[in-house]
Amino acid sequence: MSENTCSIDGCTNKPLARSWCRKHYYRWKRTGDPNKVHRYMDHREALEQYPRQQGDCLVWTGPLTKTGYGQINIDGQTILVHRFVWAQSRGSLSRDVELDHKCHNRACIRIDHLRIATRSQNTSNKAGPRADNRNSGVRNVYKAKNGWTVQIVKDGVQHYFGLHSTIEEAASVAEGMRLKLVGSFAGKG
């Protein structure tokens, strides 16, 4: 073994950490042994191993998509775990049907935290402000020259709910108007 190769006998990959290459290092992180390859025999074994209780949610701790949804391989096809769990419990869904996480935790697979939603409803049920609205830190509340405005988009239509002198007043108006416009899919501010 040289300093430029993994310390595992026969491996010629470059080291990443602990003198092991990426492959051996991540095997060690997953299993505690850099030589142990652990693959699940089937999705049932993965469904027993990966979920963990975190607060009220049952969180998938296995592979995640870039956007934070759990994923699982079934018969050579990678699918979203929350959709698979729903299909096993309540019946299959067509591709155009969306599932909303009432808990706002994309990795949660607890069936009672999921509900069928339209695209608009799923989009409405967000937590916190949009990425382009960091100046207020409150969902649907934007800094204006003389105070704070409340603006909510529903079904592609912009709704304006006035100018408010304090951010607290604007936040209260935003919360009430979200509830009025989208009901239980209002999300949180």
C-alpha atoms as a PDB file:
ATOM      1  CA  MET A   1       0.000   0.000   0.000  1.00  0.00           C
ATOM      2  CA  SER A   2       1.228   3.472  -0.807  1.00  0.00           C
ATOM      3  CA  GLU A   3      -0.035   6.822   0.463  1.00  0.00           C
ATOM      4  CA  ASN A   4      -1.813   7.295  -2.864  1.00  0.00           C
ATOM      5  CA  THR A   5      -3.970   4.153  -2.667  1.00  0.00           C
ATOM      6  CA  CYS A   6      -6.602   2.745  -0.346  1.00  0.00           C
ATOM      7  CA  SER A   7      -5.224   0.757   2.609  1.00  0.00           C
ATOM      8  CA  ILE A   8      -7.525  -2.212   1.882  1.00  0.00           C
ATOM      9  CA  ASP A   9      -5.537  -5.076   0.346  1.00  0.00           C
ATOM     10  CA  GLY A  10      -5.939  -5.245  -3.418  1.00  0.00           C
ATOM     11  CA  CYS A  11      -7.675  -1.858  -3.744  1.00  0.00           C
ATOM     12  CA  THR A  12      -5.904   0.700  -5.931  1.00  0.00           C
ATOM     13  CA  ASN A  13      -8.380   3.571  -5.532  1.00  0.00           C
ATOM     14  CA  LYS A  14      -7.326   6.925  -4.100  1.00  0.00           C
ATOM     15  CA  PRO A  15      -7.969   7.400  -0.370  1.00  0.00           C
ATOM     16  CA  LEU A  16     -10.838   9.594   0.809  1.00  0.00           C
ATOM     17  CA  ALA A  17     -10.776   9.250   4.605  1.00  0.00           C
ATOM     18  CA  ARG A  18      -9.275   6.964   7.279  1.00  0.00           C
ATOM     19  CA  SER A  19      -6.830   5.859   4.535  1.00  0.00           C
ATOM     20  CA  TRP A  20      -9.715   4.159   2.682  1.00  0.00           C
ATOM     21  CA  CYS A  21     -11.144   4.992  -0.730  1.00  0.00           C
ATOM     22  CA  ARG A  22     -14.700   6.271  -1.112  1.00  0.00           C
ATOM     23  CA  LYS A  23     -16.157   2.756  -1.562  1.00  0.00           C
ATOM     24  CA  HIS A  24     -14.522   1.302   1.550  1.00  0.00           C
ATOM     25  CA  TYR A  25     -15.088   4.407   3.650  1.00  0.00           C
ATOM     26  CA  TYR A  26     -18.855   4.426   2.937  1.00  0.00           C
ATOM     27  CA  ARG A  27     -19.071   0.683   3.542  1.00  0.00           C
ATOM     28  CA  TRP A  28     -17.529   1.342   6.960  1.00  0.00           C
ATOM     29  CA  LYS A  29     -19.990   4.211   7.621  1.00  0.00           C
ATOM     30  CA  ARG A  30     -22.969   2.010   6.710  1.00  0.00           C
ATOM     31  CA  THR A  31     -21.939  -1.276   8.318  1.00  0.00           C
ATOM     32  CA  GLY A  32     -18.986  -0.610  10.624  1.00  0.00           C
ATOM     33  CA  ASP A  33     -16.736  -2.756   8.419  1.00  0.00           C
ATOM     34  CA  PRO A  34     -14.962  -1.392   5.295  1.00  0.00           C
ATOM     35  CA  ASN A  35     -15.086  -4.841   3.647  1.00  0.00           C
ATOM     36  CA  LYS A  36     -18.744  -5.626   4.298  1.00  0.00           C
ATOM     37  CA  VAL A  37     -21.137  -5.201   1.401  1.00  0.00           C
ATOM     38  CA  HIS A  38     -24.694  -4.940   2.632  1.00  0.00           C
ATOM     39  CA  ARG A  39     -27.460  -5.138   0.120  1.00  0.00           C
ATOM     40  CA  TYR A  40     -31.019  -5.918   0.947  1.00  0.00           C
ATOM     41  CA  MET A  41     -32.451  -9.056  -0.534  1.00  0.00           C
ATOM     42  CA  ASP A  42     -35.680  -7.229  -1.400  1.00  0.00           C
ATOM     43  CA  HIS A  43     -37.703  -4.128  -0.635  1.00  0.00           C
ATOM     44  CA  ARG A  44     -39.447  -5.773   2.337  1.00  0.00           C
ATOM     45  CA  GLU A  45     -36.114  -6.026   4.157  1.00  0.00           C
ATOM     46  CA  ALA A  46     -35.339  -2.382   3.336  1.00  0.00           C
ATOM     47  CA  LEU A  47     -38.773  -1.307   4.626  1.00  0.00           C
ATOM     48  CA  GLU A  48     -37.991  -3.038   7.926  1.00  0.00           C
ATOM     49  CA  GLN A  49     -34.497  -1.546   8.239  1.00  0.00           C
ATOM     50  CA  TYR A  50     -34.659   2.075   7.057  1.00  0.00           C
ATOM     51  CA  PRO A  51     -37.652   3.780   8.751  1.00  0.00           C
ATOM     52  CA  ARG A  52     -36.928   5.502  12.086  1.00  0.00           C
ATOM     53  CA  GLN A  53     -39.321   7.244  14.459  1.00  0.00           C
ATOM     54  CA  GLN A  54     -38.457  10.959  14.701  1.00  0.00           C
ATOM     55  CA  GLY A  55     -41.008  12.868  16.715  1.00  0.00           C
ATOM     56  CA  ASP A  56     -44.397  12.158  15.179  1.00  0.00           C
ATOM     57  CA  CYS A  57     -42.905  11.186  11.796  1.00  0.00           C
ATOM     58  CA  LEU A  58     -41.695   7.830  10.501  1.00  0.00           C
ATOM     59  CA  VAL A  59     -38.629   8.992   8.576  1.00  0.00           C
ATOM     60  CA  TRP A  60     -36.943   7.057   5.777  1.00  0.00           C
ATOM     61  CA  THR A  61     -33.219   6.919   6.565  1.00  0.00           C
ATOM     62  CA  GLY A  62     -32.273   5.045   3.403  1.00  0.00           C
ATOM     63  CA  PRO A  63     -31.463   6.556   0.014  1.00  0.00           C
ATOM     64  CA  LEU A  64     -32.994   9.969  -0.695  1.00  0.00           C
ATOM     65  CA  THR A  65     -33.583  11.963  -3.858  1.00  0.00           C
ATOM     66  CA  LYS A  66     -31.798  15.305  -4.243  1.00  0.00           C
ATOM     67  CA  THR A  67     -34.992  16.982  -3.016  1.00  0.00           C
ATOM     68  CA  GLY A  68     -35.222  14.846   0.147  1.00  0.00           C
ATOM     69  CA  TYR A  69     -37.801  12.176  -0.721  1.00  0.00           C
ATOM     70  CA  GLY A  70     -37.068   8.552   0.220  1.00  0.00           C
ATOM     71  CA  GLN A  71     -36.454   6.206  -2.672  1.00  0.00           C
ATOM     72  CA  ILE A  72     -36.419   2.438  -2.980  1.00  0.00           C
ATOM     73  CA  ASN A  73     -35.611  -0.039  -5.721  1.00  0.00           C
ATOM     74  CA  ILE A  74     -38.372  -2.512  -6.536  1.00  0.00           C
ATOM     75  CA  ASP A  75     -37.916  -4.981  -9.374  1.00  0.00           C
ATOM     76  CA  GLY A  76     -35.137  -2.839 -10.849  1.00  0.00           C
ATOM     77  CA  GLN A  77     -37.179   0.359 -10.785  1.00  0.00           C
ATOM     78  CA  THR A  78     -36.440   3.232  -8.384  1.00  0.00           C
ATOM     79  CA  ILE A  79     -39.620   4.707  -6.906  1.00  0.00           C
ATOM     80  CA  LEU A  80     -40.520   7.126  -4.118  1.00  0.00           C
ATOM     81  CA  VAL A  81     -41.020   5.283  -0.837  1.00  0.00           C
ATOM     82  CA  HIS A  82     -43.983   7.367   0.355  1.00  0.00           C
ATOM     83  CA  ARG A  83     -45.853   6.534  -2.870  1.00  0.00           C
ATOM     84  CA  PHE A  84     -45.000   2.839  -2.514  1.00  0.00           C
ATOM     85  CA  VAL A  85     -46.166   2.767   1.119  1.00  0.00           C
ATOM     86  CA  TRP A  86     -49.392   4.517   0.106  1.00  0.00           C
ATOM     87  CA  ALA A  87     -49.995   2.014  -2.711  1.00  0.00           C
ATOM     88  CA  GLN A  88     -49.436  -0.922  -0.345  1.00  0.00           C
ATOM     89  CA  SER A  89     -51.860   0.507   2.209  1.00  0.00           C
ATOM     90  CA  ARG A  90     -54.500   2.377   0.206  1.00  0.00           C
ATOM     91  CA  GLY A  91     -54.122   1.299  -3.418  1.00  0.00           C
ATOM     92  CA  SER A  92     -52.029   2.353  -6.371  1.00  0.00           C
ATOM     93  CA  LEU A  93     -51.885   5.902  -7.661  1.00  0.00           C
ATOM     94  CA  SER A  94     -51.679   7.114 -11.235  1.00  0.00           C
ATOM     95  CA  ARG A  95     -48.568   9.133 -12.059  1.00  0.00           C
ATOM     96  CA  ASP A  96     -50.477  12.423 -12.220  1.00  0.00           C
ATOM     97  CA  VAL A  97     -51.820  12.063  -8.650  1.00  0.00           C
ATOM     98  CA  GLU A  98     -49.695  13.815  -6.025  1.00  0.00           C
ATOM     99  CA  LEU A  99     -49.224  12.937  -2.382  1.00  0.00           C
ATOM    100  CA  ASP A 100     -48.824  15.788   0.081  1.00  0.00           C
ATOM    101  CA  HIS A 101     -46.886  15.484   3.334  1.00  0.00           C
ATOM    102  CA  LYS A 102     -49.109  17.146   5.943  1.00  0.00           C
ATOM    103  CA  CYS A 103     -46.121  17.132   8.302  1.00  0.00           C
ATOM    104  CA  HIS A 104     -43.885  19.013   5.783  1.00  0.00           C
ATOM    105  CA  ASN A 105     -41.208  16.288   6.124  1.00  0.00           C
ATOM    106  CA  ARG A 106     -40.424  14.882   2.660  1.00  0.00           C
ATOM    107  CA  ALA A 107     -38.684  11.819   4.091  1.00  0.00           C
ATOM    108  CA  CYS A 108     -41.705  10.868   6.244  1.00  0.00           C
ATOM    109  CA  ILE A 109     -43.508   7.677   5.189  1.00  0.00           C
ATOM    110  CA  ARG A 110     -46.168   7.548   7.939  1.00  0.00           C
ATOM    111  CA  ILE A 111     -49.385   6.864   6.045  1.00  0.00           C
ATOM    112  CA  ASP A 112     -51.529   9.207   8.169  1.00  0.00           C
ATOM    113  CA  HIS A 113     -49.113  12.072   7.377  1.00  0.00           C
ATOM    114  CA  LEU A 114     -49.870  11.674   3.660  1.00  0.00           C
ATOM    115  CA  ARG A 115     -52.886  12.785   1.656  1.00  0.00           C
ATOM    116  CA  ILE A 116     -53.882  12.930  -1.983  1.00  0.00           C
ATOM    117  CA  ALA A 117     -53.570  16.448  -3.364  1.00  0.00           C
ATOM    118  CA  THR A 118     -53.816  18.374  -6.581  1.00  0.00           C
ATOM    119  CA  ARG A 119     -50.651  20.080  -7.840  1.00  0.00           C
ATOM    120  CA  SER A 120     -52.026  23.412  -6.596  1.00  0.00           C
ATOM    121  CA  GLN A 121     -52.811  22.041  -3.124  1.00  0.00           C
ATOM    122  CA  ASN A 122     -49.421  20.367  -2.819  1.00  0.00           C
ATOM    123  CA  THR A 123     -47.706  23.583  -3.888  1.00  0.00           C
ATOM    124  CA  SER A 124     -49.742  25.595  -1.365  1.00  0.00           C
ATOM    125  CA  ASN A 125     -48.852  23.384   1.591  1.00  0.00           C
ATOM    126  CA  LYS A 126     -45.375  24.767   2.194  1.00  0.00           C
ATOM    127  CA  ALA A 127     -43.473  25.624   5.333  1.00  0.00           C
ATOM    128  CA  GLY A 128     -41.743  28.984   5.568  1.00  0.00           C
ATOM    129  CA  PRO A 129     -41.139  31.739   3.031  1.00  0.00           C
ATOM    130  CA  ARG A 130     -40.093  31.278  -0.597  1.00  0.00           C
ATOM    131  CA  ALA A 131     -36.377  31.376  -1.342  1.00  0.00           C
ATOM    132  CA  ASP A 132     -36.761  34.790  -3.000  1.00  0.00           C
ATOM    133  CA  ASN A 133     -38.387  36.274   0.124  1.00  0.00           C
ATOM    134  CA  ARG A 134     -35.651  36.230   2.711  1.00  0.00           C
ATOM    135  CA  ASN A 135     -36.177  39.852   3.770  1.00  0.00           C
ATOM    136  CA  SER A 136     -39.203  39.158   5.978  1.00  0.00           C
ATOM    137  CA  GLY A 137     -38.666  35.530   6.975  1.00  0.00           C
ATOM    138  CA  VAL A 138     -42.464  35.141   6.890  1.00  0.00           C
ATOM    139  CA  ARG A 139     -44.369  33.318   4.202  1.00  0.00           C
ATOM    140  CA  ASN A 140     -46.335  35.597   1.836  1.00  0.00           C
ATOM    141  CA  VAL A 141     -45.078  38.762   3.602  1.00  0.00           C
ATOM    142  CA  TYR A 142     -42.826  41.143   1.655  1.00  0.00           C
ATOM    143  CA  LYS A 143     -41.003  44.316   2.641  1.00  0.00           C
ATOM    144  CA  ALA A 144     -42.440  47.431   1.014  1.00  0.00           C
ATOM    145  CA  LYS A 145     -41.284  51.041   1.151  1.00  0.00           C
ATOM    146  CA  ASN A 146     -43.760  52.014   3.894  1.00  0.00           C
ATOM    147  CA  GLY A 147     -44.372  48.694   5.653  1.00  0.00           C
ATOM    148  CA  TRP A 148     -45.161  45.073   4.793  1.00  0.00           C
ATOM    149  CA  THR A 149     -47.388  43.671   2.039  1.00  0.00           C
ATOM    150  CA  VAL A 150     -49.208  40.345   1.931  1.00  0.00           C
ATOM    151  CA  GLN A 151     -49.303  38.578  -1.428  1.00  0.00           C
ATOM    152  CA  ILE A 152     -50.546  35.041  -2.090  1.00  0.00           C
ATOM    153  CA  VAL A 153     -50.630  33.213  -5.418  1.00  0.00           C
ATOM    154  CA  LYS A 154     -53.395  30.624  -5.843  1.00  0.00           C
ATOM    155  CA  ASP A 155     -54.002  28.790  -9.114  1.00  0.00           C
ATOM    156  CA  GLY A 156     -51.756  31.252 -10.926  1.00  0.00           C
ATOM    157  CA  VAL A 157     -53.651  34.318  -9.680  1.00  0.00           C
ATOM    158  CA  GLN A 158     -51.860  36.889  -7.505  1.00  0.00           C
ATOM    159  CA  HIS A 159     -53.939  38.018  -4.502  1.00  0.00           C
ATOM    160  CA  TYR A 160     -52.921  41.207  -2.696  1.00  0.00           C
ATOM    161  CA  PHE A 161     -54.003  41.808   0.910  1.00  0.00           C
ATOM    162  CA  GLY A 162     -52.825  45.304   1.643  1.00  0.00           C
ATOM    163  CA  LEU A 163     -50.013  47.219   3.244  1.00  0.00           C
ATOM    164  CA  HIS A 164     -49.435  46.693   6.969  1.00  0.00           C
ATOM    165  CA  SER A 165     -47.387  48.765   9.391  1.00  0.00           C
ATOM    166  CA  THR A 166     -45.863  45.826  11.322  1.00  0.00           C
ATOM    167  CA  ILE A 167     -44.557  42.454  10.238  1.00  0.00           C
ATOM    168  CA  GLU A 168     -46.627  40.800  12.989  1.00  0.00           C
ATOM    169  CA  GLU A 169     -49.853  42.272  11.590  1.00  0.00           C
ATOM    170  CA  ALA A 170     -48.890  41.221   8.059  1.00  0.00           C
ATOM    171  CA  ALA A 171     -48.018  37.688   9.238  1.00  0.00           C
ATOM    172  CA  SER A 172     -51.398  37.361  10.925  1.00  0.00           C
ATOM    173  CA  VAL A 173     -53.218  38.552   7.784  1.00  0.00           C
ATOM    174  CA  ALA A 174     -51.151  36.166   5.610  1.00  0.00           C
ATOM    175  CA  GLU A 175     -51.997  33.190   7.818  1.00  0.00           C
ATOM    176  CA  GLY A 176     -55.713  34.006   7.801  1.00  0.00           C
ATOM    177  CA  MET A 177     -55.841  34.580   4.050  1.00  0.00           C
ATOM    178  CA  ARG A 178     -53.964  31.340   3.308  1.00  0.00           C
ATOM    179  CA  LEU A 179     -56.526  29.467   5.389  1.00  0.00           C
ATOM    180  CA  LYS A 180     -59.377  31.223   3.576  1.00  0.00           C
ATOM    181  CA  LEU A 181     -57.918  30.569   0.102  1.00  0.00           C
ATOM    182  CA  VAL A 182     -56.664  26.989   0.432  1.00  0.00           C
ATOM    183  CA  GLY A 183     -58.087  25.584   3.678  1.00  0.00           C
ATOM    184  CA  SER A 184     -56.232  22.623   5.177  1.00  0.00           C
ATOM    185  CA  PHE A 185     -53.480  23.008   2.555  1.00  0.00           C
ATOM    186  CA  ALA A 186     -52.538  26.479   3.869  1.00  0.00           C
ATOM    187  CA  GLY A 187     -49.151  25.331   5.136  1.00  0.00           C
ATOM    188  CA  LYS A 188     -47.262  27.249   7.758  1.00  0.00           C
ATOM    189  CA  GLY A 189     -45.533  30.597   7.723  1.00  0.00           C
END
